Amino acid sequence: MESYTDQQIIESWKKNVQPWIAAIREGEIENRLLVTNQAVMDAVFSRAPKTVLDIGCGEARWK
């Protein structure tokens, strides 16, 4: 498996972050729409929380 430097990882993130955010916000990733989004919501709400704070998802998917 190839190793990457911290700088290479940061540069890759900078290159890909905006297209990724746009794809999520515009619903362009089919598996997110068909499976992942509901699975995450089911897992969260199965705990019957009174409030939920979404932190660290990266693309501000749920508000």
C-alpha atoms as a PDB file:
ATOM      1  CA  MET A   1       0.000   0.000   0.000  1.00  0.00           C
ATOM      2  CA  GLU A   2       1.344   3.387  -0.967  1.00  0.00           C
ATOM      3  CA  SER A   3       2.105   5.895   1.778  1.00  0.00           C
ATOM      4  CA  TYR A   4       1.333   9.575   1.467  1.00  0.00           C
ATOM      5  CA  THR A   5       2.927  12.519   3.206  1.00  0.00           C
ATOM      6  CA  ASP A   6       0.850  14.884   5.277  1.00  0.00           C
ATOM      7  CA  GLN A   7       1.364  17.530   2.616  1.00  0.00           C
ATOM      8  CA  GLN A   8       0.086  15.226  -0.142  1.00  0.00           C
ATOM      9  CA  ILE A   9      -3.014  14.446   1.903  1.00  0.00           C
ATOM     10  CA  ILE A  10      -3.667  18.131   2.573  1.00  0.00           C
ATOM     11  CA  GLU A  11      -3.250  19.006  -1.108  1.00  0.00           C
ATOM     12  CA  SER A  12      -5.614  16.209  -2.107  1.00  0.00           C
ATOM     13  CA  TRP A  13      -8.192  17.443   0.397  1.00  0.00           C
ATOM     14  CA  LYS A  14      -7.908  21.012  -0.912  1.00  0.00           C
ATOM     15  CA  LYS A  15      -8.382  19.770  -4.482  1.00  0.00           C
ATOM     16  CA  ASN A  16     -11.406  17.600  -3.692  1.00  0.00           C
ATOM     17  CA  VAL A  17     -13.317  19.300  -0.878  1.00  0.00           C
ATOM     18  CA  GLN A  18     -15.443  21.697  -2.935  1.00  0.00           C
ATOM     19  CA  PRO A  19     -16.499  19.115  -5.561  1.00  0.00           C
ATOM     20  CA  TRP A  20     -17.374  16.691  -2.733  1.00  0.00           C
ATOM     21  CA  ILE A  21     -19.484  19.261  -0.887  1.00  0.00           C
ATOM     22  CA  ALA A  22     -21.273  20.171  -4.107  1.00  0.00           C
ATOM     23  CA  ALA A  23     -21.961  16.516  -4.912  1.00  0.00           C
ATOM     24  CA  ILE A  24     -23.421  15.907  -1.439  1.00  0.00           C
ATOM     25  CA  ARG A  25     -25.541  19.053  -1.415  1.00  0.00           C
ATOM     26  CA  GLU A  26     -26.857  18.432  -4.927  1.00  0.00           C
ATOM     27  CA  GLY A  27     -27.694  14.780  -4.251  1.00  0.00           C
ATOM     28  CA  GLU A  28     -25.308  13.401  -6.860  1.00  0.00           C
ATOM     29  CA  ILE A  29     -24.110  10.376  -4.891  1.00  0.00           C
ATOM     30  CA  GLU A  30     -26.782   7.727  -5.378  1.00  0.00           C
ATOM     31  CA  ASN A  31     -25.764   5.364  -2.566  1.00  0.00           C
ATOM     32  CA  ARG A  32     -26.069   8.265  -0.108  1.00  0.00           C
ATOM     33  CA  LEU A  33     -29.628   8.880  -1.271  1.00  0.00           C
ATOM     34  CA  LEU A  34     -30.651   5.210  -1.402  1.00  0.00           C
ATOM     35  CA  VAL A  35     -28.885   3.744   1.647  1.00  0.00           C
ATOM     36  CA  THR A  36     -26.396   5.737   3.699  1.00  0.00           C
ATOM     37  CA  ASN A  37     -28.455   8.784   4.674  1.00  0.00           C
ATOM     38  CA  GLN A  38     -31.321   6.684   6.024  1.00  0.00           C
ATOM     39  CA  ALA A  39     -28.971   4.244   7.777  1.00  0.00           C
ATOM     40  CA  VAL A  40     -27.284   7.102   9.639  1.00  0.00           C
ATOM     41  CA  MET A  41     -30.597   8.662  10.612  1.00  0.00           C
ATOM     42  CA  ASP A  42     -31.960   5.278  11.770  1.00  0.00           C
ATOM     43  CA  ALA A  43     -28.866   4.692  13.912  1.00  0.00           C
ATOM     44  CA  VAL A  44     -29.102   8.120  15.524  1.00  0.00           C
ATOM     45  CA  PHE A  45     -32.835   8.081  16.168  1.00  0.00           C
ATOM     46  CA  SER A  46     -32.830   4.487  17.432  1.00  0.00           C
ATOM     47  CA  ARG A  47     -31.242   5.993  20.552  1.00  0.00           C
ATOM     48  CA  ALA A  48     -34.266   8.312  20.974  1.00  0.00           C
ATOM     49  CA  PRO A  49     -32.224  11.476  21.531  1.00  0.00           C
ATOM     50  CA  LYS A  50     -33.911  14.646  22.737  1.00  0.00           C
ATOM     51  CA  THR A  51     -31.468  16.738  20.697  1.00  0.00           C
ATOM     52  CA  VAL A  52     -28.807  15.994  18.110  1.00  0.00           C
ATOM     53  CA  LEU A  53     -25.684  17.946  17.260  1.00  0.00           C
ATOM     54  CA  ASP A  54     -24.119  17.058  13.912  1.00  0.00           C
ATOM     55  CA  ILE A  55     -20.393  17.747  14.124  1.00  0.00           C
ATOM     56  CA  GLY A  56     -17.563  16.556  11.982  1.00  0.00           C
ATOM     57  CA  CYS A  57     -19.512  15.361   8.947  1.00  0.00           C
ATOM     58  CA  GLY A  58     -17.596  17.810   6.818  1.00  0.00           C
ATOM     59  CA  GLU A  59     -20.226  18.818   4.311  1.00  0.00           C
ATOM     60  CA  ALA A  60     -22.981  20.065   6.620  1.00  0.00           C
ATOM     61  CA  ARG A  61     -25.331  17.429   5.297  1.00  0.00           C
ATOM     62  CA  TRP A  62     -28.019  17.768   7.967  1.00  0.00           C
ATOM     63  CA  LYS A  63     -29.082  21.016   9.555  1.00  0.00           C
END
